[in-house]
Protein backbone atom coordinates (compact mmCIF):
# COMPACT_ATOMS: atom_id res chain seq x y z
CA UNK A 1 42.80 -34.70 -11.43
CA UNK A 2 43.63 -33.45 -14.92
CA UNK A 3 41.24 -30.80 -16.16
CA UNK A 4 40.38 -30.19 -19.78
CA UNK A 5 42.23 -27.74 -22.00
CA UNK A 6 40.93 -28.45 -25.51
CA UNK A 7 37.28 -28.57 -26.56
CA UNK A 8 35.49 -29.43 -29.80
CA UNK A 9 32.16 -27.66 -30.22
CA UNK A 10 29.89 -29.36 -32.75
CA UNK A 11 26.95 -27.26 -33.91
CA UNK A 12 27.07 -23.48 -34.10
CA UNK A 13 23.45 -22.51 -33.76
CA UNK A 14 22.00 -20.10 -31.22
CA UNK A 15 23.63 -21.91 -28.30
CA UNK A 16 26.80 -23.43 -29.73
CA UNK A 17 28.24 -20.22 -31.12
CA UNK A 18 27.89 -18.41 -27.80
CA UNK A 19 29.39 -21.30 -25.86
CA UNK A 20 32.35 -21.56 -28.22
CA UNK A 21 33.09 -17.84 -27.86
CA UNK A 22 32.97 -18.04 -24.06
CA UNK A 23 35.26 -21.07 -23.99
CA UNK A 24 37.79 -19.14 -26.07
CA UNK A 25 37.56 -16.16 -23.71
CA UNK A 26 38.17 -18.52 -20.80
CA UNK A 27 41.42 -19.71 -22.39
CA UNK A 28 40.38 -23.06 -23.84
CA UNK A 29 41.71 -24.27 -27.17
CA UNK A 30 38.53 -24.58 -29.23
CA UNK A 31 37.83 -26.41 -32.46
CA UNK A 32 34.44 -25.92 -34.11
CA UNK A 33 32.46 -27.83 -36.68
CA UNK A 34 29.03 -27.09 -38.13
CA UNK A 35 26.87 -29.40 -40.22
CA UNK A 36 25.97 -26.69 -42.74
CA UNK A 37 29.54 -25.42 -43.23
CA UNK A 38 30.10 -22.04 -44.84
CA UNK A 39 30.66 -18.78 -42.92
CA UNK A 40 28.47 -20.00 -40.04
CA UNK A 41 31.12 -22.62 -39.25
CA UNK A 42 33.63 -19.93 -38.21
CA UNK A 43 34.12 -18.50 -34.74
CA UNK A 44 36.83 -15.92 -34.06
CA UNK A 45 39.74 -17.55 -32.25
CA UNK A 46 38.63 -21.11 -32.96
CA UNK A 47 40.02 -23.61 -35.41
CA UNK A 48 37.41 -24.66 -37.95
CA UNK A 49 37.40 -28.40 -38.59
CA UNK A 50 36.58 -29.97 -41.94
CA UNK A 51 34.78 -32.99 -40.48
CA UNK A 52 33.66 -34.55 -37.23
CA UNK A 53 36.75 -36.75 -37.30
CA UNK A 54 38.96 -33.67 -37.69
CA UNK A 55 37.08 -31.85 -34.93
CA UNK A 56 37.17 -34.52 -32.23
CA UNK A 57 40.62 -36.01 -32.78
CA UNK A 58 42.88 -35.27 -29.79
CA UNK A 59 40.30 -33.17 -27.92
CA UNK A 60 39.86 -33.41 -24.17
CA UNK A 61 36.12 -32.75 -24.50
CA UNK A 62 33.61 -32.97 -27.32
CA UNK A 63 30.43 -31.02 -26.69
CA UNK A 64 27.38 -30.52 -28.82
CA UNK A 65 24.17 -28.59 -28.37
CA UNK A 66 21.91 -29.55 -31.27
CA UNK A 67 18.29 -28.89 -32.13
CA UNK A 68 16.58 -32.27 -31.80
CA UNK A 69 16.86 -36.05 -31.63
CA UNK A 70 17.49 -36.44 -35.35
CA UNK A 71 20.43 -34.03 -35.31
CA UNK A 72 21.96 -35.63 -32.21
CA UNK A 73 21.54 -39.13 -33.58
CA UNK A 74 23.25 -38.15 -36.84
CA UNK A 75 26.15 -36.26 -35.26
CA UNK A 76 26.75 -38.46 -32.22
CA UNK A 77 25.75 -41.97 -33.26
CA UNK A 78 25.51 -41.90 -37.06
CA UNK A 79 28.00 -42.98 -39.71
CA UNK A 80 31.13 -40.87 -39.41
CA UNK A 81 29.86 -39.41 -36.14
CA UNK A 82 31.36 -38.81 -32.74
CA UNK A 83 30.97 -42.39 -31.53
CA UNK A 84 32.97 -43.65 -34.48
CA UNK A 85 35.87 -41.22 -34.14
CA UNK A 86 36.15 -40.10 -30.51
CA UNK A 87 39.18 -41.25 -28.52
CA UNK A 88 38.86 -43.21 -25.29
CA UNK A 89 40.43 -40.39 -23.26
CA UNK A 90 37.87 -37.79 -24.41
CA UNK A 91 34.78 -36.79 -22.46
CA UNK A 92 31.60 -36.40 -24.52
CA UNK A 93 29.12 -33.79 -23.26
CA UNK A 94 25.67 -33.61 -24.85
CA UNK A 95 24.11 -30.23 -24.01
CA UNK A 96 21.08 -30.70 -26.28
CA UNK A 97 17.44 -30.96 -25.22
CA UNK A 98 16.49 -34.42 -26.43
CA UNK A 99 14.35 -37.38 -25.48
CA UNK A 100 15.27 -39.35 -22.40
CA UNK A 101 15.33 -42.49 -24.53
CA UNK A 102 17.99 -41.09 -26.87
CA UNK A 103 20.05 -39.75 -23.96
CA UNK A 104 20.04 -43.20 -22.38
CA UNK A 105 20.98 -44.74 -25.73
CA UNK A 106 23.92 -42.35 -26.06
CA UNK A 107 25.21 -43.21 -22.61
CA UNK A 108 25.03 -46.93 -23.35
CA UNK A 109 26.78 -46.54 -26.72
CA UNK A 110 29.66 -44.45 -25.38
CA UNK A 111 30.03 -46.65 -22.30
CA UNK A 112 30.40 -49.67 -24.59
CA UNK A 113 33.32 -47.84 -26.24
CA UNK A 114 34.84 -46.99 -22.86
CA UNK A 115 34.22 -43.27 -23.39
CA UNK A 116 32.99 -41.08 -20.53
CA UNK A 117 29.83 -39.13 -21.27
CA UNK A 118 27.63 -36.54 -19.56
CA UNK A 119 24.16 -35.36 -20.43
CA UNK A 120 24.27 -31.64 -19.63
CA UNK A 121 21.39 -29.69 -21.21
CA UNK A 122 21.09 -26.01 -20.47
CA UNK A 123 18.45 -23.49 -19.46
CA UNK A 124 18.66 -20.11 -21.14
CA UNK A 125 18.63 -18.85 -24.68
CA UNK A 126 20.63 -16.64 -27.03
CA UNK A 127 21.38 -13.86 -24.57
CA UNK A 128 22.51 -16.21 -21.82
CA UNK A 129 24.62 -18.25 -24.26
CA UNK A 130 26.40 -15.12 -25.47
CA UNK A 131 26.96 -13.82 -21.93
CA UNK A 132 28.11 -17.13 -20.44
CA UNK A 133 25.05 -17.08 -18.22
CA UNK A 134 23.44 -20.43 -18.95
CA UNK A 135 22.27 -22.81 -16.23
CA UNK A 136 23.51 -26.38 -16.72
CA UNK A 137 21.89 -29.53 -15.35
CA UNK A 138 24.18 -32.55 -15.52
CA UNK A 139 23.77 -36.30 -15.40
CA UNK A 140 26.80 -38.56 -14.97
CA UNK A 141 29.42 -39.73 -12.50
CA UNK A 142 31.09 -37.38 -10.02
CA UNK A 143 34.64 -37.73 -11.34
CA UNK A 144 33.67 -36.88 -14.91
CA UNK A 145 31.63 -33.88 -13.81
CA UNK A 146 34.55 -32.52 -11.81
CA UNK A 147 36.95 -33.09 -14.69
CA UNK A 148 34.92 -30.89 -17.03
CA UNK A 149 33.60 -28.43 -14.45
CA UNK A 150 35.95 -25.59 -15.53
CA UNK A 151 34.59 -25.93 -19.04
CA UNK A 152 30.98 -25.94 -17.81
CA UNK A 153 31.70 -22.95 -15.58
CA UNK A 154 33.00 -21.01 -18.59
CA UNK A 155 29.63 -21.14 -20.33
CA UNK A 156 27.29 -20.91 -17.37
CA UNK A 157 26.11 -19.01 -14.34
CA UNK A 158 25.65 -22.24 -12.40
CA UNK A 159 26.17 -25.98 -12.78
CA UNK A 160 23.85 -28.47 -11.07
CA UNK A 161 24.90 -32.12 -10.85
CA UNK A 162 21.51 -33.85 -10.73
CA UNK A 163 22.63 -37.45 -10.36
CA UNK A 164 23.65 -40.42 -12.53
CA UNK A 165 23.48 -40.70 -16.31
CA UNK A 166 20.23 -39.35 -17.74
CA UNK A 167 19.42 -37.13 -14.77
CA UNK A 168 20.26 -33.96 -16.68
CA UNK A 169 18.03 -34.89 -19.61
CA UNK A 170 15.15 -35.61 -17.25
CA UNK A 171 15.64 -32.39 -15.28
CA UNK A 172 15.66 -30.36 -18.48
CA UNK A 173 12.20 -31.61 -19.39
CA UNK A 174 10.91 -30.81 -15.90
CA UNK A 175 12.24 -27.28 -16.28
CA UNK A 176 10.85 -26.81 -19.77
CA UNK A 177 7.44 -27.86 -18.46
CA UNK A 178 7.64 -24.88 -16.10
CA UNK A 179 8.67 -22.53 -18.91
CA UNK A 180 5.78 -23.66 -21.10
CA UNK A 181 3.32 -23.39 -18.22
CA UNK A 182 4.46 -19.85 -17.45
CA UNK A 183 3.93 -18.74 -21.05
CA UNK A 184 0.49 -20.34 -21.01
CA UNK A 185 -0.43 -18.63 -17.73
CA UNK A 186 0.88 -15.27 -18.94
CA UNK A 187 -1.19 -15.59 -22.10
CA UNK A 188 -4.34 -16.41 -20.17
CA UNK A 189 -3.75 -13.64 -17.61
CA UNK A 190 -3.14 -10.94 -20.22
CA UNK A 191 -6.14 -12.14 -22.22
CA UNK A 192 -8.39 -11.92 -19.18
CA UNK A 193 -6.97 -8.52 -18.21
CA UNK A 194 -7.40 -7.19 -21.74
CA UNK A 195 -10.97 -8.43 -21.98
CA UNK A 196 -11.68 -6.80 -18.60
CA UNK A 197 -10.54 -3.45 -19.94
CA UNK A 198 -7.46 -3.15 -17.74
CA UNK A 199 -4.35 -1.23 -18.78
CA UNK A 200 -2.03 -4.10 -19.61
CA UNK A 201 1.12 -2.08 -18.93
CA UNK A 202 -0.13 -1.40 -15.41
CA UNK A 203 -0.97 -5.09 -15.05
CA UNK A 204 2.64 -5.93 -15.91
CA UNK A 205 3.83 -3.37 -13.36
CA UNK A 206 1.96 -5.36 -10.73
CA UNK A 207 3.28 -8.66 -12.05
CA UNK A 208 6.85 -7.34 -11.80
CA UNK A 209 6.69 -6.63 -8.06
CA UNK A 210 4.38 -9.27 -6.61
CA UNK A 211 5.25 -12.70 -5.25
CA UNK A 212 4.32 -14.44 -8.49
CA UNK A 213 6.81 -12.51 -10.63
CA UNK A 214 9.23 -14.49 -12.81
CA UNK A 215 11.87 -13.50 -15.38
CA UNK A 216 9.62 -15.00 -18.05
CA UNK A 217 6.68 -12.78 -17.13
CA UNK A 218 8.79 -9.65 -16.82
CA UNK A 219 10.84 -10.41 -19.93
CA UNK A 220 8.16 -11.69 -22.28
CA UNK A 221 5.28 -9.47 -21.12
CA UNK A 222 6.54 -6.08 -22.40
CA UNK A 223 7.64 -7.62 -25.70
CA UNK A 224 4.20 -9.15 -26.22
CA UNK A 225 2.49 -5.80 -25.61
CA UNK A 226 4.85 -4.26 -28.18
CA UNK A 227 3.99 -7.01 -30.67
CA UNK A 228 7.63 -8.13 -30.65
CA UNK A 229 8.10 -11.86 -31.24
CA UNK A 230 11.74 -11.71 -32.32
CA UNK A 231 13.22 -15.17 -32.04
CA UNK A 232 15.37 -16.01 -29.05
CA UNK A 233 13.91 -19.52 -28.66
CA UNK A 234 11.78 -20.63 -31.59
CA UNK A 235 8.21 -21.74 -30.99
CA UNK A 236 8.72 -24.91 -33.05
CA UNK A 237 11.47 -25.94 -30.64
CA UNK A 238 9.14 -25.41 -27.69
CA UNK A 239 6.60 -27.64 -29.44
CA UNK A 240 9.31 -30.26 -29.80
CA UNK A 241 10.18 -29.99 -26.12
CA UNK A 242 6.55 -30.23 -25.00
CA UNK A 243 6.28 -33.37 -27.10
CA UNK A 244 9.28 -34.83 -25.26
CA UNK A 245 7.67 -33.94 -21.93
CA UNK A 246 4.53 -35.75 -23.03
CA UNK A 247 6.55 -38.81 -24.05
CA UNK A 248 8.25 -39.00 -20.67
CA UNK A 249 4.99 -38.48 -18.82
CA UNK A 250 3.38 -41.26 -20.83
CA UNK A 251 6.24 -43.64 -20.07
CA UNK A 252 5.90 -42.88 -16.36
CA UNK A 253 2.10 -42.99 -16.30
CA UNK A 254 1.87 -39.34 -15.23
CA UNK A 255 -1.04 -37.12 -16.31
CA UNK A 256 -0.13 -33.50 -17.05
CA UNK A 257 -3.35 -31.65 -17.97
CA UNK A 258 -1.80 -28.17 -18.17
CA UNK A 259 0.95 -29.44 -20.44
CA UNK A 260 -1.67 -31.04 -22.68
CA UNK A 261 -3.35 -27.63 -23.02
CA UNK A 262 -0.03 -26.00 -23.90
CA UNK A 263 0.55 -28.64 -26.58
CA UNK A 264 -2.80 -27.85 -28.19
CA UNK A 265 -2.09 -24.13 -28.20
CA UNK A 266 1.37 -24.68 -29.65
CA UNK A 267 -0.18 -26.80 -32.40
CA UNK A 268 -2.53 -23.90 -33.17
CA UNK A 269 0.43 -21.53 -33.26
CA UNK A 270 2.26 -23.82 -35.67
CA UNK A 271 -0.80 -23.96 -37.93
CA UNK A 272 -0.94 -20.16 -37.82
CA UNK A 273 2.62 -20.03 -39.20
CA UNK A 274 4.29 -18.92 -35.97
CA UNK A 275 6.80 -21.76 -35.76
CA UNK A 276 9.82 -19.56 -36.45
CA UNK A 277 8.71 -16.75 -34.16
CA UNK A 278 9.71 -16.62 -30.52
CA UNK A 279 8.00 -19.16 -28.29
CA UNK A 280 6.10 -16.25 -26.72
CA UNK A 281 3.87 -16.29 -29.82
CA UNK A 282 1.95 -18.86 -27.78
CA UNK A 283 0.54 -15.85 -25.88
CA UNK A 284 -0.61 -14.30 -29.14
CA UNK A 285 -2.60 -17.41 -30.05
CA UNK A 286 -4.32 -17.53 -26.67
CA UNK A 287 -5.34 -13.87 -26.88
CA UNK A 288 -6.50 -14.10 -30.50
CA UNK A 289 -8.82 -16.98 -29.66
CA UNK A 290 -10.76 -14.59 -27.41
CA UNK A 291 -10.51 -11.66 -29.80
CA UNK A 292 -8.17 -9.71 -27.51
CA UNK A 293 -5.54 -7.47 -29.11
CA UNK A 294 -2.72 -7.26 -26.58
CA UNK A 295 -0.88 -4.52 -28.47
CA UNK A 296 -3.69 -2.06 -27.66
CA UNK A 297 -2.58 -2.12 -24.03
């Protein structure tokens, strides 16, 4: 089986830039394109394309990791987009977190053109993208996954083939439900501990060694106590993702009461102007509602 050698990376935000750099380090020939152009469209060692057509022409793989449905629809399916210009021999890999409906639409559109496609969203944020430590969940056929596996390995710690087309997109929403729920539970736990007069640093010491510890608790907790909400994954993107989870749950007739509570708290955080802070600002909203100042320890 012929493996890929050349990759077009469309979108150079928090995730795309890190992935492009890791592909270059792994020896791939990388072409990049960014919607906004300018200096942000440049990555050391990559060729910068002037258009989507220029970026995807002759590439073995075209990958994109974009912010939302609107961006993916414009870049992948819109006028002058990937669908219009990609060659039949190219594999398209969508690594964005988007609605299941749009993922399914993409698969149908590319299949009609005879172009192989994978949905391969990722878990992780800026640090993992820069370090090549993302976790990829993939939907698509076995042969296509194996063809691009070296490329996926170059940007990730692990690759999980979840099943046929759309399985990656669905798994990503399941995982993001768990992320949102952990932030909610951390916010409630720290709020209760603070109101009870406990030393919150000592509480986090316990959280870090007990059987309910998670990287989210141990990573976010100390930053919250320091009042640090520096953006690694923006809160407005978490609100978008929770909305997608709700859409899928509604389509399946599944009731998710905890996720509904997270959505309400995220809405409050957005109204408070926290949309461009880290998603952990959700914890701040929960604590403030009870008059608990987490930075006082």
